[in-house]
Amino acid sequence: MDVNTALKKMLKTGQLEFGYRRGVKNLLAGNAKAVIIASEGPERIKSDIIKYASAAGVPVLNFPGTSLELGRACGKPFLISTITVLNPGDVSVKEVEQ
């Protein structure tokens, strides 16, 4: 399953939080099951999220596009660089292709 398909299913059946600050907060608290980041997003944000996710043992899924495209994929009218998966719903995070 690719990231786009998984994201659409997670939006319908799971629990997600948007934003870098919430992502870091959830990673530090141990609440995150996975993190989705925009591949063409800000480098500082990507490196911080990857650092915190690797320390927490949480997989990082790369969305193939910009922050604007990630926002549009979620039905939001704004940029989204980071999505934290709190509950993946009907999606197995391990089956999502990198």
PDB file of N, CA and C in Angstrom:
ATOM      1  N   MET A   1       0.855  -1.173   0.000  1.00  0.00           N
ATOM      2  CA  MET A   1       0.000   0.000   0.000  1.00  0.00           C
ATOM      3  C   MET A   1       0.902   1.236   0.000  1.00  0.00           C
ATOM      4  N   ASP A   2       0.569   2.207  -0.815  1.00  0.00           N
ATOM      5  CA  ASP A   2       1.378   3.424  -0.854  1.00  0.00           C
ATOM      6  C   ASP A   2       0.892   4.424   0.202  1.00  0.00           C
ATOM      7  N   VAL A   3       1.680   5.460   0.416  1.00  0.00           N
ATOM      8  CA  VAL A   3       1.393   6.439   1.472  1.00  0.00           C
ATOM      9  C   VAL A   3       0.090   7.193   1.201  1.00  0.00           C
ATOM     10  N   ASN A   4      -0.191   7.527  -0.061  1.00  0.00           N
ATOM     11  CA  ASN A   4      -1.423   8.263  -0.392  1.00  0.00           C
ATOM     12  C   ASN A   4      -2.665   7.462  -0.022  1.00  0.00           C
ATOM     13  N   THR A   5      -2.685   6.186  -0.392  1.00  0.00           N
ATOM     14  CA  THR A   5      -3.822   5.328  -0.080  1.00  0.00           C
ATOM     15  C   THR A   5      -3.959   5.138   1.422  1.00  0.00           C
ATOM     16  N   ALA A   6      -2.834   4.898   2.095  1.00  0.00           N
ATOM     17  CA  ALA A   6      -2.860   4.719   3.545  1.00  0.00           C
ATOM     18  C   ALA A   6      -3.366   5.976   4.242  1.00  0.00           C
ATOM     19  N   LEU A   7      -2.923   7.149   3.772  1.00  0.00           N
ATOM     20  CA  LEU A   7      -3.346   8.414   4.373  1.00  0.00           C
ATOM     21  C   LEU A   7      -4.854   8.596   4.257  1.00  0.00           C
ATOM     22  N   LYS A   8      -5.422   8.302   3.104  1.00  0.00           N
ATOM     23  CA  LYS A   8      -6.868   8.442   2.916  1.00  0.00           C
ATOM     24  C   LYS A   8      -7.638   7.528   3.855  1.00  0.00           C
ATOM     25  N   LYS A   9      -7.159   6.292   4.032  1.00  0.00           N
ATOM     26  CA  LYS A   9      -7.830   5.367   4.954  1.00  0.00           C
ATOM     27  C   LYS A   9      -7.682   5.825   6.397  1.00  0.00           C
ATOM     28  N   MET A  10      -6.492   6.339   6.745  1.00  0.00           N
ATOM     29  CA  MET A  10      -6.272   6.812   8.112  1.00  0.00           C
ATOM     30  C   MET A  10      -7.139   8.024   8.423  1.00  0.00           C
ATOM     31  N   LEU A  11      -7.358   8.891   7.442  1.00  0.00           N
ATOM     32  CA  LEU A  11      -8.210  10.058   7.658  1.00  0.00           C
ATOM     33  C   LEU A  11      -9.636   9.638   7.974  1.00  0.00           C
ATOM     34  N   LYS A  12     -10.089   8.540   7.368  1.00  0.00           N
ATOM     35  CA  LYS A  12     -11.468   8.071   7.584  1.00  0.00           C
ATOM     36  C   LYS A  12     -11.617   7.239   8.847  1.00  0.00           C
ATOM     37  N   THR A  13     -10.622   6.394   9.152  1.00  0.00           N
ATOM     38  CA  THR A  13     -10.809   5.425  10.227  1.00  0.00           C
ATOM     39  C   THR A  13      -9.884   5.605  11.426  1.00  0.00           C
ATOM     40  N   GLY A  14      -8.875   6.445  11.293  1.00  0.00           N
ATOM     41  CA  GLY A  14      -7.892   6.580  12.362  1.00  0.00           C
ATOM     42  C   GLY A  14      -7.965   7.913  13.078  1.00  0.00           C
ATOM     43  N   GLN A  15      -6.927   8.188  13.842  1.00  0.00           N
ATOM     44  CA  GLN A  15      -6.821   9.453  14.564  1.00  0.00           C
ATOM     45  C   GLN A  15      -5.467  10.070  14.233  1.00  0.00           C
ATOM     46  N   LEU A  16      -5.500  11.259  13.646  1.00  0.00           N
ATOM     47  CA  LEU A  16      -4.292  11.949  13.213  1.00  0.00           C
ATOM     48  C   LEU A  16      -4.232  13.336  13.828  1.00  0.00           C
ATOM     49  N   GLU A  17      -3.031  13.839  14.010  1.00  0.00           N
ATOM     50  CA  GLU A  17      -2.833  15.222  14.432  1.00  0.00           C
ATOM     51  C   GLU A  17      -1.883  15.875  13.446  1.00  0.00           C
ATOM     52  N   PHE A  18      -2.167  17.129  13.110  1.00  0.00           N
ATOM     53  CA  PHE A  18      -1.396  17.857  12.113  1.00  0.00           C
ATOM     54  C   PHE A  18      -0.452  18.841  12.781  1.00  0.00           C
ATOM     55  N   GLY A  19       0.745  18.969  12.215  1.00  0.00           N
ATOM     56  CA  GLY A  19       1.667  20.003  12.663  1.00  0.00           C
ATOM     57  C   GLY A  19       2.932  19.472  13.304  1.00  0.00           C
ATOM     58  N   TYR A  20       3.981  20.236  13.129  1.00  0.00           N
ATOM     59  CA  TYR A  20       5.305  19.896  13.649  1.00  0.00           C
ATOM     60  C   TYR A  20       5.334  19.864  15.176  1.00  0.00           C
ATOM     61  N   ARG A  21       4.805  20.904  15.819  1.00  0.00           N
ATOM     62  CA  ARG A  21       4.854  20.983  17.287  1.00  0.00           C
ATOM     63  C   ARG A  21       4.093  19.842  17.943  1.00  0.00           C
ATOM     64  N   ARG A  22       2.918  19.537  17.419  1.00  0.00           N
ATOM     65  CA  ARG A  22       2.148  18.415  17.964  1.00  0.00           C
ATOM     66  C   ARG A  22       2.856  17.094  17.709  1.00  0.00           C
ATOM     67  N   GLY A  23       3.534  17.010  16.565  1.00  0.00           N
ATOM     68  CA  GLY A  23       4.284  15.800  16.253  1.00  0.00           C
ATOM     69  C   GLY A  23       5.392  15.543  17.251  1.00  0.00           C
ATOM     70  N   VAL A  24       6.171  16.574  17.528  1.00  0.00           N
ATOM     71  CA  VAL A  24       7.259  16.444  18.500  1.00  0.00           C
ATOM     72  C   VAL A  24       6.689  16.109  19.879  1.00  0.00           C
ATOM     73  N   LYS A  25       5.616  16.774  20.259  1.00  0.00           N
ATOM     74  CA  LYS A  25       4.981  16.533  21.563  1.00  0.00           C
ATOM     75  C   LYS A  25       4.535  15.079  21.687  1.00  0.00           C
ATOM     76  N   ASN A  26       3.888  14.558  20.648  1.00  0.00           N
ATOM     77  CA  ASN A  26       3.405  13.174  20.682  1.00  0.00           C
ATOM     78  C   ASN A  26       4.548  12.163  20.629  1.00  0.00           C
ATOM     79  N   LEU A  27       5.608  12.473  19.900  1.00  0.00           N
ATOM     80  CA  LEU A  27       6.768  11.582  19.876  1.00  0.00           C
ATOM     81  C   LEU A  27       7.435  11.516  21.244  1.00  0.00           C
ATOM     82  N   LEU A  28       7.587  12.658  21.890  1.00  0.00           N
ATOM     83  CA  LEU A  28       8.217  12.685  23.213  1.00  0.00           C
ATOM     84  C   LEU A  28       7.355  12.005  24.272  1.00  0.00           C
ATOM     85  N   ALA A  29       6.036  12.101  24.117  1.00  0.00           N
ATOM     86  CA  ALA A  29       5.118  11.490  25.079  1.00  0.00           C
ATOM     87  C   ALA A  29       4.904  10.006  24.820  1.00  0.00           C
ATOM     88  N   GLY A  30       5.360   9.514  23.664  1.00  0.00           N
ATOM     89  CA  GLY A  30       5.182   8.099  23.339  1.00  0.00           C
ATOM     90  C   GLY A  30       3.817   7.767  22.782  1.00  0.00           C
ATOM     91  N   ASN A  31       3.077   8.760  22.286  1.00  0.00           N
ATOM     92  CA  ASN A  31       1.732   8.538  21.775  1.00  0.00           C
ATOM     93  C   ASN A  31       1.685   8.229  20.283  1.00  0.00           C
ATOM     94  N   ALA A  32       2.749   8.488  19.555  1.00  0.00           N
ATOM     95  CA  ALA A  32       2.746   8.352  18.098  1.00  0.00           C
ATOM     96  C   ALA A  32       2.980   6.904  17.677  1.00  0.00           C
ATOM     97  N   LYS A  33       2.204   6.451  16.698  1.00  0.00           N
ATOM     98  CA  LYS A  33       2.393   5.129  16.098  1.00  0.00           C
ATOM     99  C   LYS A  33       3.228   5.238  14.825  1.00  0.00           C
ATOM    100  N   ALA A  34       3.146   6.389  14.156  1.00  0.00           N
ATOM    101  CA  ALA A  34       3.923   6.677  12.942  1.00  0.00           C
ATOM    102  C   ALA A  34       3.859   8.172  12.700  1.00  0.00           C
ATOM    103  N   VAL A  35       4.733   8.652  11.826  1.00  0.00           N
ATOM    104  CA  VAL A  35       4.744  10.054  11.440  1.00  0.00           C
ATOM    105  C   VAL A  35       4.846  10.113   9.921  1.00  0.00           C
ATOM    106  N   ILE A  36       4.039  10.980   9.319  1.00  0.00           N
ATOM    107  CA  ILE A  36       4.084  11.210   7.881  1.00  0.00           C
ATOM    108  C   ILE A  36       4.648  12.610   7.675  1.00  0.00           C
ATOM    109  N   ILE A  37       5.696  12.713   6.845  1.00  0.00           N
ATOM    110  CA  ILE A  37       6.278  14.024   6.559  1.00  0.00           C
ATOM    111  C   ILE A  37       6.287  14.255   5.051  1.00  0.00           C
ATOM    112  N   ALA A  38       6.140  15.507   4.671  1.00  0.00           N
ATOM    113  CA  ALA A  38       6.207  15.880   3.262  1.00  0.00           C
ATOM    114  C   ALA A  38       7.661  15.787   2.807  1.00  0.00           C
ATOM    115  N   SER A  39       7.896  15.067   1.723  1.00  0.00           N
ATOM    116  CA  SER A  39       9.268  14.875   1.226  1.00  0.00           C
ATOM    117  C   SER A  39       9.931  16.184   0.847  1.00  0.00           C
ATOM    118  N   GLU A  40       9.159  17.114   0.331  1.00  0.00           N
ATOM    119  CA  GLU A  40       9.708  18.391  -0.095  1.00  0.00           C
ATOM    120  C   GLU A  40       9.396  19.500   0.902  1.00  0.00           C
ATOM    121  N   GLY A  41       9.291  19.124   2.168  1.00  0.00           N
ATOM    122  CA  GLY A  41       9.040  20.096   3.220  1.00  0.00           C
ATOM    123  C   GLY A  41      10.337  20.701   3.723  1.00  0.00           C
ATOM    124  N   PRO A  42      10.247  21.569   4.722  1.00  0.00           N
ATOM    125  CA  PRO A  42      11.440  22.214   5.278  1.00  0.00           C
ATOM    126  C   PRO A  42      12.425  21.200   5.876  1.00  0.00           C
ATOM    127  N   GLU A  43      13.699  21.348   5.545  1.00  0.00           N
ATOM    128  CA  GLU A  43      14.731  20.408   5.991  1.00  0.00           C
ATOM    129  C   GLU A  43      14.871  20.374   7.509  1.00  0.00           C
ATOM    130  N   ARG A  44      14.757  21.524   8.157  1.00  0.00           N
ATOM    131  CA  ARG A  44      14.880  21.563   9.626  1.00  0.00           C
ATOM    132  C   ARG A  44      13.800  20.717  10.276  1.00  0.00           C
ATOM    133  N   ILE A  45      12.584  20.834   9.785  1.00  0.00           N
ATOM    134  CA  ILE A  45      11.471  20.074  10.337  1.00  0.00           C
ATOM    135  C   ILE A  45      11.671  18.584  10.087  1.00  0.00           C
ATOM    136  N   LYS A  46      12.057  18.233   8.876  1.00  0.00           N
ATOM    137  CA  LYS A  46      12.269  16.824   8.542  1.00  0.00           C
ATOM    138  C   LYS A  46      13.358  16.210   9.417  1.00  0.00           C
ATOM    139  N   SER A  47      14.473  16.908   9.580  1.00  0.00           N
ATOM    140  CA  SER A  47      15.569  16.346  10.375  1.00  0.00           C
ATOM    141  C   SER A  47      15.186  16.207  11.851  1.00  0.00           C
ATOM    142  N   ASP A  48      14.462  17.181  12.394  1.00  0.00           N
ATOM    143  CA  ASP A  48      14.015  17.081  13.789  1.00  0.00           C
ATOM    144  C   ASP A  48      13.054  15.912  13.981  1.00  0.00           C
ATOM    145  N   ILE A  49      12.085  15.785  13.097  1.00  0.00           N
ATOM    146  CA  ILE A  49      11.096  14.714  13.217  1.00  0.00           C
ATOM    147  C   ILE A  49      11.770  13.354  13.087  1.00  0.00           C
ATOM    148  N   ILE A  50      12.687  13.214  12.135  1.00  0.00           N
ATOM    149  CA  ILE A  50      13.393  11.945  11.963  1.00  0.00           C
ATOM    150  C   ILE A  50      14.215  11.613  13.206  1.00  0.00           C
ATOM    151  N   LYS A  51      14.854  12.625  13.800  1.00  0.00           N
ATOM    152  CA  LYS A  51      15.655  12.414  15.015  1.00  0.00           C
ATOM    153  C   LYS A  51      14.779  11.929  16.170  1.00  0.00           C
ATOM    154  N   TYR A  52      13.666  12.620  16.421  1.00  0.00           N
ATOM    155  CA  TYR A  52      12.787  12.238  17.522  1.00  0.00           C
ATOM    156  C   TYR A  52      12.106  10.894  17.260  1.00  0.00           C
ATOM    157  N   ALA A  53      11.724  10.637  16.013  1.00  0.00           N
ATOM    158  CA  ALA A  53      11.058   9.373  15.683  1.00  0.00           C
ATOM    159  C   ALA A  53      12.015   8.192  15.838  1.00  0.00           C
ATOM    160  N   SER A  54      13.255   8.359  15.428  1.00  0.00           N
ATOM    161  CA  SER A  54      14.200   7.252  15.576  1.00  0.00           C
ATOM    162  C   SER A  54      14.493   6.983  17.046  1.00  0.00           C
ATOM    163  N   ALA A  55      14.548   8.018  17.857  1.00  0.00           N
ATOM    164  CA  ALA A  55      14.757   7.837  19.296  1.00  0.00           C
ATOM    165  C   ALA A  55      13.574   7.118  19.941  1.00  0.00           C
ATOM    166  N   ALA A  56      12.365   7.364  19.421  1.00  0.00           N
ATOM    167  CA  ALA A  56      11.162   6.746  19.968  1.00  0.00           C
ATOM    168  C   ALA A  56      10.842   5.404  19.320  1.00  0.00           C
ATOM    169  N   GLY A  57      11.570   5.044  18.259  1.00  0.00           N
ATOM    170  CA  GLY A  57      11.299   3.787  17.569  1.00  0.00           C
ATOM    171  C   GLY A  57      10.030   3.823  16.735  1.00  0.00           C
ATOM    172  N   VAL A  58       9.694   4.996  16.214  1.00  0.00           N
ATOM    173  CA  VAL A  58       8.460   5.200  15.444  1.00  0.00           C
ATOM    174  C   VAL A  58       8.823   5.323  13.964  1.00  0.00           C
ATOM    175  N   PRO A  59       8.087   4.614  13.081  1.00  0.00           N
ATOM    176  CA  PRO A  59       8.396   4.723  11.650  1.00  0.00           C
ATOM    177  C   PRO A  59       8.019   6.088  11.076  1.00  0.00           C
ATOM    178  N   VAL A  60       8.830   6.549  10.128  1.00  0.00           N
ATOM    179  CA  VAL A  60       8.577   7.808   9.426  1.00  0.00           C
ATOM    180  C   VAL A  60       8.213   7.468   7.990  1.00  0.00           C
ATOM    181  N   LEU A  61       7.032   7.912   7.555  1.00  0.00           N
ATOM    182  CA  LEU A  61       6.560   7.681   6.192  1.00  0.00           C
ATOM    183  C   LEU A  61       6.723   8.963   5.402  1.00  0.00           C
ATOM    184  N   ASN A  62       7.329   8.877   4.231  1.00  0.00           N
ATOM    185  CA  ASN A  62       7.562  10.051   3.394  1.00  0.00           C
ATOM    186  C   ASN A  62       6.438  10.210   2.388  1.00  0.00           C
ATOM    187  N   PHE A  63       5.730  11.326   2.470  1.00  0.00           N
ATOM    188  CA  PHE A  63       4.700  11.661   1.498  1.00  0.00           C
ATOM    189  C   PHE A  63       5.402  12.245   0.276  1.00  0.00           C
ATOM    190  N   PRO A  64       5.135  11.721  -0.922  1.00  0.00           N
ATOM    191  CA  PRO A  64       5.864  12.176  -2.109  1.00  0.00           C
ATOM    192  C   PRO A  64       5.317  13.488  -2.658  1.00  0.00           C
ATOM    193  N   GLY A  65       5.627  14.571  -2.008  1.00  0.00           N
ATOM    194  CA  GLY A  65       5.146  15.869  -2.468  1.00  0.00           C
ATOM    195  C   GLY A  65       5.495  16.968  -1.492  1.00  0.00           C
ATOM    196  N   THR A  66       4.937  18.137  -1.757  1.00  0.00           N
ATOM    197  CA  THR A  66       5.198  19.312  -0.930  1.00  0.00           C
ATOM    198  C   THR A  66       4.233  19.364   0.255  1.00  0.00           C
ATOM    199  N   SER A  67       4.476  20.318   1.128  1.00  0.00           N
ATOM    200  CA  SER A  67       3.576  20.537   2.265  1.00  0.00           C
ATOM    201  C   SER A  67       2.198  20.972   1.795  1.00  0.00           C
ATOM    202  N   LEU A  68       2.138  21.722   0.714  1.00  0.00           N
ATOM    203  CA  LEU A  68       0.856  22.142   0.154  1.00  0.00           C
ATOM    204  C   LEU A  68       0.078  20.939  -0.369  1.00  0.00           C
ATOM    205  N   GLU A  69       0.766  20.040  -1.062  1.00  0.00           N
ATOM    206  CA  GLU A  69       0.106  18.839  -1.584  1.00  0.00           C
ATOM    207  C   GLU A  69      -0.355  17.915  -0.464  1.00  0.00           C
ATOM    208  N   LEU A  70       0.407  17.848   0.614  1.00  0.00           N
ATOM    209  CA  LEU A  70       0.002  17.041   1.767  1.00  0.00           C
ATOM    210  C   LEU A  70      -1.239  17.639   2.412  1.00  0.00           C
ATOM    211  N   GLY A  71      -1.290  18.952   2.529  1.00  0.00           N
ATOM    212  CA  GLY A  71      -2.479  19.620   3.056  1.00  0.00           C
ATOM    213  C   GLY A  71      -3.701  19.351   2.191  1.00  0.00           C
ATOM    214  N   ARG A  72      -3.529  19.439   0.879  1.00  0.00           N
ATOM    215  CA  ARG A  72      -4.643  19.171  -0.035  1.00  0.00           C
ATOM    216  C   ARG A  72      -5.100  17.722   0.038  1.00  0.00           C
ATOM    217  N   ALA A  73      -4.158  16.791   0.194  1.00  0.00           N
ATOM    218  CA  ALA A  73      -4.514  15.371   0.311  1.00  0.00           C
ATOM    219  C   ALA A  73      -5.362  15.106   1.551  1.00  0.00           C
ATOM    220  N   CYS A  74      -5.187  15.952   2.563  1.00  0.00           N
ATOM    221  CA  CYS A  74      -5.969  15.822   3.802  1.00  0.00           C
ATOM    222  C   CYS A  74      -7.250  16.649   3.764  1.00  0.00           C
ATOM    223  N   GLY A  75      -7.471  17.363   2.683  1.00  0.00           N
ATOM    224  CA  GLY A  75      -8.660  18.202   2.581  1.00  0.00           C
ATOM    225  C   GLY A  75      -8.549  19.499   3.363  1.00  0.00           C
ATOM    226  N   LYS A  76      -7.332  19.938   3.636  1.00  0.00           N
ATOM    227  CA  LYS A  76      -7.107  21.163   4.397  1.00  0.00           C
ATOM    228  C   LYS A  76      -6.616  22.268   3.466  1.00  0.00           C
ATOM    229  N   PRO A  77      -7.038  23.511   3.700  1.00  0.00           N
ATOM    230  CA  PRO A  77      -6.624  24.619   2.821  1.00  0.00           C
ATOM    231  C   PRO A  77      -5.319  25.290   3.265  1.00  0.00           C
ATOM    232  N   PHE A  78      -4.423  24.530   3.894  1.00  0.00           N
ATOM    233  CA  PHE A  78      -3.173  25.109   4.375  1.00  0.00           C
ATOM    234  C   PHE A  78      -2.053  24.082   4.267  1.00  0.00           C
ATOM    235  N   LEU A  79      -0.816  24.551   4.447  1.00  0.00           N
ATOM    236  CA  LEU A  79       0.358  23.686   4.383  1.00  0.00           C
ATOM    237  C   LEU A  79       0.405  22.750   5.585  1.00  0.00           C
ATOM    238  N   ILE A  80       0.761  21.507   5.337  1.00  0.00           N
ATOM    239  CA  ILE A  80       0.976  20.538   6.410  1.00  0.00           C
ATOM    240  C   ILE A  80       2.308  19.858   6.124  1.00  0.00           C
ATOM    241  N   SER A  81       3.254  20.012   7.028  1.00  0.00           N
ATOM    242  CA  SER A  81       4.552  19.372   6.829  1.00  0.00           C
ATOM    243  C   SER A  81       4.649  18.048   7.571  1.00  0.00           C
ATOM    244  N   THR A  82       3.883  17.910   8.659  1.00  0.00           N
ATOM    245  CA  THR A  82       3.980  16.730   9.515  1.00  0.00           C
ATOM    246  C   THR A  82       2.596  16.271   9.965  1.00  0.00           C
ATOM    247  N   ILE A  83       2.360  14.971   9.878  1.00  0.00           N
ATOM    248  CA  ILE A  83       1.143  14.366  10.407  1.00  0.00           C
ATOM    249  C   ILE A  83       1.567  13.271  11.375  1.00  0.00           C
ATOM    250  N   THR A  84       1.023  13.310  12.567  1.00  0.00           N
ATOM    251  CA  THR A  84       1.294  12.274  13.555  1.00  0.00           C
ATOM    252  C   THR A  84       0.126  11.304  13.577  1.00  0.00           C
ATOM    253  N   VAL A  85       0.421  10.023  13.440  1.00  0.00           N
ATOM    254  CA  VAL A  85      -0.592   8.977  13.477  1.00  0.00           C
ATOM    255  C   VAL A  85      -0.698   8.493  14.919  1.00  0.00           C
ATOM    256  N   LEU A  86      -1.814   8.810  15.559  1.00  0.00           N
ATOM    257  CA  LEU A  86      -2.046   8.350  16.925  1.00  0.00           C
ATOM    258  C   LEU A  86      -2.727   6.991  16.927  1.00  0.00           C
ATOM    259  N   ASN A  87      -3.614   6.787  15.955  1.00  0.00           N
ATOM    260  CA  ASN A  87      -4.312   5.521  15.766  1.00  0.00           C
ATOM    261  C   ASN A  87      -4.463   5.325  14.261  1.00  0.00           C
ATOM    262  N   PRO A  88      -3.838   4.285  13.679  1.00  0.00           N
ATOM    263  CA  PRO A  88      -3.894   4.128  12.228  1.00  0.00           C
ATOM    264  C   PRO A  88      -5.227   3.621  11.697  1.00  0.00           C
ATOM    265  N   GLY A  89      -6.136   3.259  12.558  1.00  0.00           N
ATOM    266  CA  GLY A  89      -7.442   2.786  12.094  1.00  0.00           C
ATOM    267  C   GLY A  89      -7.310   1.447  11.395  1.00  0.00           C
ATOM    268  N   ASP A  90      -7.824   1.361  10.170  1.00  0.00           N
ATOM    269  CA  ASP A  90      -7.833   0.108   9.409  1.00  0.00           C
ATOM    270  C   ASP A  90      -6.543  -0.126   8.627  1.00  0.00           C
ATOM    271  N   VAL A  91      -5.521   0.630   8.885  1.00  0.00           N
ATOM    272  CA  VAL A  91      -4.272   0.551   8.129  1.00  0.00           C
ATOM    273  C   VAL A  91      -3.179  -0.048   9.011  1.00  0.00           C
ATOM    274  N   SER A  92      -2.432  -0.994   8.458  1.00  0.00           N
ATOM    275  CA  SER A  92      -1.261  -1.517   9.138  1.00  0.00           C
ATOM    276  C   SER A  92      -0.065  -0.684   8.706  1.00  0.00           C
ATOM    277  N   VAL A  93       0.516   0.042   9.629  1.00  0.00           N
ATOM    278  CA  VAL A  93       1.623   0.947   9.323  1.00  0.00           C
ATOM    279  C   VAL A  93       2.804   0.161   8.735  1.00  0.00           C
ATOM    280  N   LYS A  94       2.987  -1.068   9.157  1.00  0.00           N
ATOM    281  CA  LYS A  94       4.102  -1.879   8.663  1.00  0.00           C
ATOM    282  C   LYS A  94       3.958  -2.236   7.191  1.00  0.00           C
ATOM    283  N   GLU A  95       2.736  -2.231   6.677  1.00  0.00           N
ATOM    284  CA  GLU A  95       2.495  -2.592   5.278  1.00  0.00           C
ATOM    285  C   GLU A  95       2.583  -1.416   4.311  1.00  0.00           C
ATOM    286  N   VAL A  96       2.754  -0.211   4.835  1.00  0.00           N
ATOM    287  CA  VAL A  96       2.835   0.973   3.986  1.00  0.00           C
ATOM    288  C   VAL A  96       4.223   1.023   3.360  1.00  0.00           C
ATOM    289  N   GLU A  97       4.258   1.171   2.026  1.00  0.00           N
ATOM    290  CA  GLU A  97       5.525   1.200   1.290  1.00  0.00           C
ATOM    291  C   GLU A  97       6.265   2.507   1.559  1.00  0.00           C
ATOM    292  N   GLN A  98       7.544   2.394   1.712  1.00  0.00           N
ATOM    293  CA  GLN A  98       8.384   3.577   1.909  1.00  0.00           C
ATOM    294  C   GLN A  98       8.680   4.166   0.601  1.00  0.00           C
TER     295      GLN A  98
END
